[in-house]
Amino acid sequence: MSARWLAVLPVVILGALALLFGVYGLQHDPHVIPEALVGRRAPAVALHRLDTGEIQTVTAAARPQKVRLVNFFASWCAPCVSENSALLALRAGGVSITGVAYKDKASATKAFLERLGDPFDVVLLDPDGAAGVEYGVSGVPETFAVSEDGTILAKHSGELTPDIADRLLASADQSAKR
């Protein structure tokens, strides 16, 4: 009888695991992405600038402002192409935006910005994705709202639309007031 249980035990364990993962999958919202860095200081990552090659930290303000955005993007990313017009509108409205070219070549990044327009105050190069790892980037585009003191106030994963940008900035403003 015990040999029979040993033969059935793997099937029972597999069935229990399938049930556990099935229940989790039904209750888990795939659109909820953990925002581990929100409320914490932004990682002090230094990268080369696209325009001058000088080293600059990601959160160094190009223009002093209460809230600025840090946008991880890539020339090979279709949603990054789509969100560029929203970023251009934000910059035209006075929002300071730092662009981080994630796992991209400098030449491809330059061509991308020349073709679509450059919404960034400064563009930093993250060719190996190290800064993305520090920020917890799971894919591009991802946008962080950062306070003057370097605290990450809000995060959005995915394409930034005008409505989402408004909500991101509103959320950042509320966090900054706390």
C-alpha atoms as a PDB file:
ATOM      1  CA  MET A   1       0.000   0.000   0.000  1.00  0.00           C
ATOM      2  CA  SER A   2       2.839   2.466   0.780  1.00  0.00           C
ATOM      3  CA  ALA A   3       4.447   1.843  -2.631  1.00  0.00           C
ATOM      4  CA  ARG A   4       1.142   2.809  -4.215  1.00  0.00           C
ATOM      5  CA  TRP A   5       1.094   6.137  -2.293  1.00  0.00           C
ATOM      6  CA  LEU A   6       4.654   6.867  -3.363  1.00  0.00           C
ATOM      7  CA  ALA A   7       3.603   6.416  -6.966  1.00  0.00           C
ATOM      8  CA  VAL A   8       0.574   8.737  -6.563  1.00  0.00           C
ATOM      9  CA  LEU A   9       2.286  11.365  -4.369  1.00  0.00           C
ATOM     10  CA  PRO A  10       3.915  13.313  -7.263  1.00  0.00           C
ATOM     11  CA  VAL A  11       0.528  13.567  -9.024  1.00  0.00           C
ATOM     12  CA  VAL A  12      -1.135  14.819  -5.817  1.00  0.00           C
ATOM     13  CA  ILE A  13       1.614  17.424  -5.266  1.00  0.00           C
ATOM     14  CA  LEU A  14       1.407  18.570  -8.882  1.00  0.00           C
ATOM     15  CA  GLY A  15      -2.376  18.885  -8.602  1.00  0.00           C
ATOM     16  CA  ALA A  16      -2.076  20.929  -5.383  1.00  0.00           C
ATOM     17  CA  LEU A  17       0.470  23.276  -6.994  1.00  0.00           C
ATOM     18  CA  ALA A  18      -1.745  23.696 -10.067  1.00  0.00           C
ATOM     19  CA  LEU A  19      -4.669  24.587  -7.810  1.00  0.00           C
ATOM     20  CA  LEU A  20      -2.546  27.062  -5.838  1.00  0.00           C
ATOM     21  CA  PHE A  21      -1.252  28.814  -8.970  1.00  0.00           C
ATOM     22  CA  GLY A  22      -4.729  28.772 -10.517  1.00  0.00           C
ATOM     23  CA  VAL A  23      -6.275  30.511  -7.504  1.00  0.00           C
ATOM     24  CA  TYR A  24      -3.430  33.070  -7.440  1.00  0.00           C
ATOM     25  CA  GLY A  25      -3.823  33.739 -11.159  1.00  0.00           C
ATOM     26  CA  LEU A  26      -7.541  34.382 -10.818  1.00  0.00           C
ATOM     27  CA  GLN A  27      -7.023  36.863  -7.965  1.00  0.00           C
ATOM     28  CA  HIS A  28      -3.907  38.600  -9.314  1.00  0.00           C
ATOM     29  CA  ASP A  29      -4.370  41.687 -11.506  1.00  0.00           C
ATOM     30  CA  PRO A  30      -1.688  41.490 -14.248  1.00  0.00           C
ATOM     31  CA  HIS A  31      -1.830  45.287 -14.666  1.00  0.00           C
ATOM     32  CA  VAL A  32      -0.614  45.879 -11.106  1.00  0.00           C
ATOM     33  CA  ILE A  33       3.138  46.269 -11.164  1.00  0.00           C
ATOM     34  CA  PRO A  34       4.932  46.566  -7.824  1.00  0.00           C
ATOM     35  CA  GLU A  35       6.334  50.025  -7.310  1.00  0.00           C
ATOM     36  CA  ALA A  36       9.064  49.158  -4.834  1.00  0.00           C
ATOM     37  CA  LEU A  37      10.962  52.439  -5.205  1.00  0.00           C
ATOM     38  CA  VAL A  38       7.997  54.789  -4.769  1.00  0.00           C
ATOM     39  CA  GLY A  39       8.580  56.752  -1.578  1.00  0.00           C
ATOM     40  CA  ARG A  40      12.297  55.999  -1.565  1.00  0.00           C
ATOM     41  CA  ARG A  41      15.332  57.911  -2.761  1.00  0.00           C
ATOM     42  CA  ALA A  42      16.131  57.338  -6.412  1.00  0.00           C
ATOM     43  CA  PRO A  43      19.240  55.231  -7.018  1.00  0.00           C
ATOM     44  CA  ALA A  44      22.355  57.372  -7.490  1.00  0.00           C
ATOM     45  CA  VAL A  45      23.256  56.048 -10.937  1.00  0.00           C
ATOM     46  CA  ALA A  46      25.707  58.005 -13.104  1.00  0.00           C
ATOM     47  CA  LEU A  47      25.530  57.636 -16.889  1.00  0.00           C
ATOM     48  CA  HIS A  48      27.060  59.306 -19.945  1.00  0.00           C
ATOM     49  CA  ARG A  49      25.118  62.138 -21.572  1.00  0.00           C
ATOM     50  CA  LEU A  50      24.184  61.574 -25.211  1.00  0.00           C
ATOM     51  CA  ASP A  51      25.121  65.111 -26.255  1.00  0.00           C
ATOM     52  CA  THR A  52      28.455  65.677 -24.472  1.00  0.00           C
ATOM     53  CA  GLY A  53      29.549  62.286 -23.165  1.00  0.00           C
ATOM     54  CA  GLU A  54      29.955  63.807 -19.691  1.00  0.00           C
ATOM     55  CA  ILE A  55      28.855  61.742 -16.731  1.00  0.00           C
ATOM     56  CA  GLN A  56      25.695  62.839 -14.906  1.00  0.00           C
ATOM     57  CA  THR A  57      23.438  61.202 -12.346  1.00  0.00           C
ATOM     58  CA  VAL A  58      19.980  60.242 -13.555  1.00  0.00           C
ATOM     59  CA  THR A  59      18.167  62.455 -11.058  1.00  0.00           C
ATOM     60  CA  ALA A  60      20.343  65.566 -11.439  1.00  0.00           C
ATOM     61  CA  ALA A  61      17.887  68.317 -12.327  1.00  0.00           C
ATOM     62  CA  ALA A  62      18.347  69.875 -15.730  1.00  0.00           C
ATOM     63  CA  ARG A  63      15.983  72.652 -14.631  1.00  0.00           C
ATOM     64  CA  PRO A  64      15.056  73.252 -11.003  1.00  0.00           C
ATOM     65  CA  GLN A  65      11.462  72.140 -10.538  1.00  0.00           C
ATOM     66  CA  LYS A  66       9.375  70.539  -7.803  1.00  0.00           C
ATOM     67  CA  VAL A  67       8.692  67.381  -9.814  1.00  0.00           C
ATOM     68  CA  ARG A  68      10.563  66.100 -12.826  1.00  0.00           C
ATOM     69  CA  LEU A  69      10.099  62.967 -14.872  1.00  0.00           C
ATOM     70  CA  VAL A  70      12.663  60.279 -15.644  1.00  0.00           C
ATOM     71  CA  ASN A  71      11.618  58.324 -18.727  1.00  0.00           C
ATOM     72  CA  PHE A  72      13.312  55.042 -19.681  1.00  0.00           C
ATOM     73  CA  PHE A  73      12.886  54.551 -23.445  1.00  0.00           C
ATOM     74  CA  ALA A  74      14.523  52.894 -26.452  1.00  0.00           C
ATOM     75  CA  SER A  75      14.589  53.484 -30.188  1.00  0.00           C
ATOM     76  CA  TRP A  76      13.499  49.885 -30.804  1.00  0.00           C
ATOM     77  CA  CYS A  77      10.400  50.224 -28.584  1.00  0.00           C
ATOM     78  CA  ALA A  78       7.049  50.758 -30.397  1.00  0.00           C
ATOM     79  CA  PRO A  79       5.223  52.224 -27.352  1.00  0.00           C
ATOM     80  CA  CYS A  80       8.144  54.659 -26.934  1.00  0.00           C
ATOM     81  CA  VAL A  81       7.418  55.988 -30.423  1.00  0.00           C
ATOM     82  CA  SER A  82       3.743  56.392 -29.543  1.00  0.00           C
ATOM     83  CA  GLU A  83       4.377  58.184 -26.246  1.00  0.00           C
ATOM     84  CA  ASN A  84       6.844  60.690 -27.711  1.00  0.00           C
ATOM     85  CA  SER A  85       4.108  63.200 -28.622  1.00  0.00           C
ATOM     86  CA  ALA A  86       2.818  63.158 -25.016  1.00  0.00           C
ATOM     87  CA  LEU A  87       6.360  63.759 -23.752  1.00  0.00           C
ATOM     88  CA  LEU A  88       6.807  66.640 -26.218  1.00  0.00           C
ATOM     89  CA  ALA A  89       3.555  68.202 -24.935  1.00  0.00           C
ATOM     90  CA  LEU A  90       4.722  67.831 -21.321  1.00  0.00           C
ATOM     91  CA  ARG A  91       8.019  69.530 -22.105  1.00  0.00           C
ATOM     92  CA  ALA A  92       6.194  72.333 -23.954  1.00  0.00           C
ATOM     93  CA  GLY A  93       4.115  72.741 -20.782  1.00  0.00           C
ATOM     94  CA  GLY A  94       7.248  73.261 -18.720  1.00  0.00           C
ATOM     95  CA  VAL A  95       7.768  69.774 -17.292  1.00  0.00           C
ATOM     96  CA  SER A  96      11.410  68.798 -16.905  1.00  0.00           C
ATOM     97  CA  ILE A  97      12.105  65.333 -18.343  1.00  0.00           C
ATOM     98  CA  THR A  98      15.286  63.273 -18.230  1.00  0.00           C
ATOM     99  CA  GLY A  99      15.442  60.537 -20.842  1.00  0.00           C
ATOM    100  CA  VAL A 100      17.377  57.325 -20.237  1.00  0.00           C
ATOM    101  CA  ALA A 101      18.105  55.371 -23.424  1.00  0.00           C
ATOM    102  CA  TYR A 102      17.731  51.828 -22.132  1.00  0.00           C
ATOM    103  CA  LYS A 103      19.792  49.066 -23.784  1.00  0.00           C
ATOM    104  CA  ASP A 104      20.201  51.157 -26.918  1.00  0.00           C
ATOM    105  CA  LYS A 105      23.051  52.428 -29.067  1.00  0.00           C
ATOM    106  CA  ALA A 106      23.901  56.135 -29.060  1.00  0.00           C
ATOM    107  CA  SER A 107      23.540  56.348 -32.848  1.00  0.00           C
ATOM    108  CA  ALA A 108      20.091  54.721 -32.781  1.00  0.00           C
ATOM    109  CA  THR A 109      19.000  57.025 -29.944  1.00  0.00           C
ATOM    110  CA  LYS A 110      20.146  60.122 -31.856  1.00  0.00           C
ATOM    111  CA  ALA A 111      18.304  59.007 -35.004  1.00  0.00           C
ATOM    112  CA  PHE A 112      15.150  58.260 -32.968  1.00  0.00           C
ATOM    113  CA  LEU A 113      15.140  61.732 -31.374  1.00  0.00           C
ATOM    114  CA  GLU A 114      15.932  63.495 -34.663  1.00  0.00           C
ATOM    115  CA  ARG A 115      13.059  61.683 -36.386  1.00  0.00           C
ATOM    116  CA  LEU A 116      10.393  62.159 -33.680  1.00  0.00           C
ATOM    117  CA  GLY A 117      11.567  65.233 -31.798  1.00  0.00           C
ATOM    118  CA  ASP A 118      13.480  65.445 -28.539  1.00  0.00           C
ATOM    119  CA  PRO A 119      11.246  65.922 -25.478  1.00  0.00           C
ATOM    120  CA  PHE A 120      14.111  65.608 -22.993  1.00  0.00           C
ATOM    121  CA  ASP A 121      16.154  68.204 -21.135  1.00  0.00           C
ATOM    122  CA  VAL A 122      18.972  65.682 -21.105  1.00  0.00           C
ATOM    123  CA  VAL A 123      19.393  62.165 -22.512  1.00  0.00           C
ATOM    124  CA  LEU A 124      21.542  59.640 -20.670  1.00  0.00           C
ATOM    125  CA  LEU A 125      22.817  56.365 -22.106  1.00  0.00           C
ATOM    126  CA  ASP A 126      22.213  53.042 -20.322  1.00  0.00           C
ATOM    127  CA  PRO A 127      23.612  50.637 -22.945  1.00  0.00           C
ATOM    128  CA  ASP A 128      23.871  47.614 -20.645  1.00  0.00           C
ATOM    129  CA  GLY A 129      20.665  48.279 -18.688  1.00  0.00           C
ATOM    130  CA  ALA A 130      22.449  48.705 -15.334  1.00  0.00           C
ATOM    131  CA  ALA A 131      20.489  51.852 -14.434  1.00  0.00           C
ATOM    132  CA  GLY A 132      17.294  50.105 -15.441  1.00  0.00           C
ATOM    133  CA  VAL A 133      18.101  47.295 -13.019  1.00  0.00           C
ATOM    134  CA  GLU A 134      18.727  49.805 -10.217  1.00  0.00           C
ATOM    135  CA  TYR A 135      15.361  51.453 -10.914  1.00  0.00           C
ATOM    136  CA  GLY A 136      13.558  48.128 -11.221  1.00  0.00           C
ATOM    137  CA  VAL A 137      12.620  48.688 -14.858  1.00  0.00           C
ATOM    138  CA  SER A 138      10.846  45.624 -16.210  1.00  0.00           C
ATOM    139  CA  GLY A 139      10.548  46.967 -19.755  1.00  0.00           C
ATOM    140  CA  VAL A 140      10.361  50.199 -21.659  1.00  0.00           C
ATOM    141  CA  PRO A 141       8.803  52.647 -21.538  1.00  0.00           C
ATOM    142  CA  GLU A 142       8.694  53.364 -17.813  1.00  0.00           C
ATOM    143  CA  THR A 143       8.369  56.810 -16.282  1.00  0.00           C
ATOM    144  CA  PHE A 144       9.216  57.949 -12.764  1.00  0.00           C
ATOM    145  CA  ALA A 145       8.138  61.207 -11.119  1.00  0.00           C
ATOM    146  CA  VAL A 146      10.997  62.429  -8.918  1.00  0.00           C
ATOM    147  CA  SER A 147      10.977  65.248  -6.358  1.00  0.00           C
ATOM    148  CA  GLU A 148      13.626  67.932  -6.057  1.00  0.00           C
ATOM    149  CA  ASP A 149      15.268  66.005  -3.219  1.00  0.00           C
ATOM    150  CA  GLY A 150      15.476  62.821  -5.333  1.00  0.00           C
ATOM    151  CA  THR A 151      12.545  60.908  -3.855  1.00  0.00           C
ATOM    152  CA  ILE A 152      10.556  58.801  -6.305  1.00  0.00           C
ATOM    153  CA  LEU A 153       6.973  60.016  -5.934  1.00  0.00           C
ATOM    154  CA  ALA A 154       5.191  57.915  -8.559  1.00  0.00           C
ATOM    155  CA  LYS A 155       5.843  55.442 -11.360  1.00  0.00           C
ATOM    156  CA  HIS A 156       4.095  54.412 -14.557  1.00  0.00           C
ATOM    157  CA  SER A 157       4.964  51.309 -16.574  1.00  0.00           C
ATOM    158  CA  GLY A 158       3.974  51.396 -20.223  1.00  0.00           C
ATOM    159  CA  GLU A 159       3.147  54.049 -22.770  1.00  0.00           C
ATOM    160  CA  LEU A 160       2.575  57.516 -21.348  1.00  0.00           C
ATOM    161  CA  THR A 161      -0.563  59.155 -22.754  1.00  0.00           C
ATOM    162  CA  PRO A 162      -1.701  62.698 -21.894  1.00  0.00           C
ATOM    163  CA  ASP A 163      -4.302  61.324 -19.435  1.00  0.00           C
ATOM    164  CA  ILE A 164      -1.812  59.001 -17.762  1.00  0.00           C
ATOM    165  CA  ALA A 165       0.757  61.816 -17.590  1.00  0.00           C
ATOM    166  CA  ASP A 166      -1.798  64.042 -15.842  1.00  0.00           C
ATOM    167  CA  ARG A 167      -2.575  61.283 -13.330  1.00  0.00           C
ATOM    168  CA  LEU A 168       1.138  60.573 -12.780  1.00  0.00           C
ATOM    169  CA  LEU A 169       1.900  64.246 -12.104  1.00  0.00           C
ATOM    170  CA  ALA A 170      -1.181  64.606  -9.878  1.00  0.00           C
ATOM    171  CA  SER A 171      -0.130  61.535  -7.895  1.00  0.00           C
ATOM    172  CA  ALA A 172       3.391  62.937  -7.605  1.00  0.00           C
ATOM    173  CA  ASP A 173       2.051  66.314  -6.430  1.00  0.00           C
ATOM    174  CA  GLN A 174      -0.057  64.592  -3.771  1.00  0.00           C
ATOM    175  CA  SER A 175       2.934  62.527  -2.618  1.00  0.00           C
ATOM    176  CA  ALA A 176       5.117  65.649  -2.497  1.00  0.00           C
ATOM    177  CA  LYS A 177       2.578  67.369  -0.219  1.00  0.00           C
ATOM    178  CA  ARG A 178       2.640  64.516   2.317  1.00  0.00           C
END
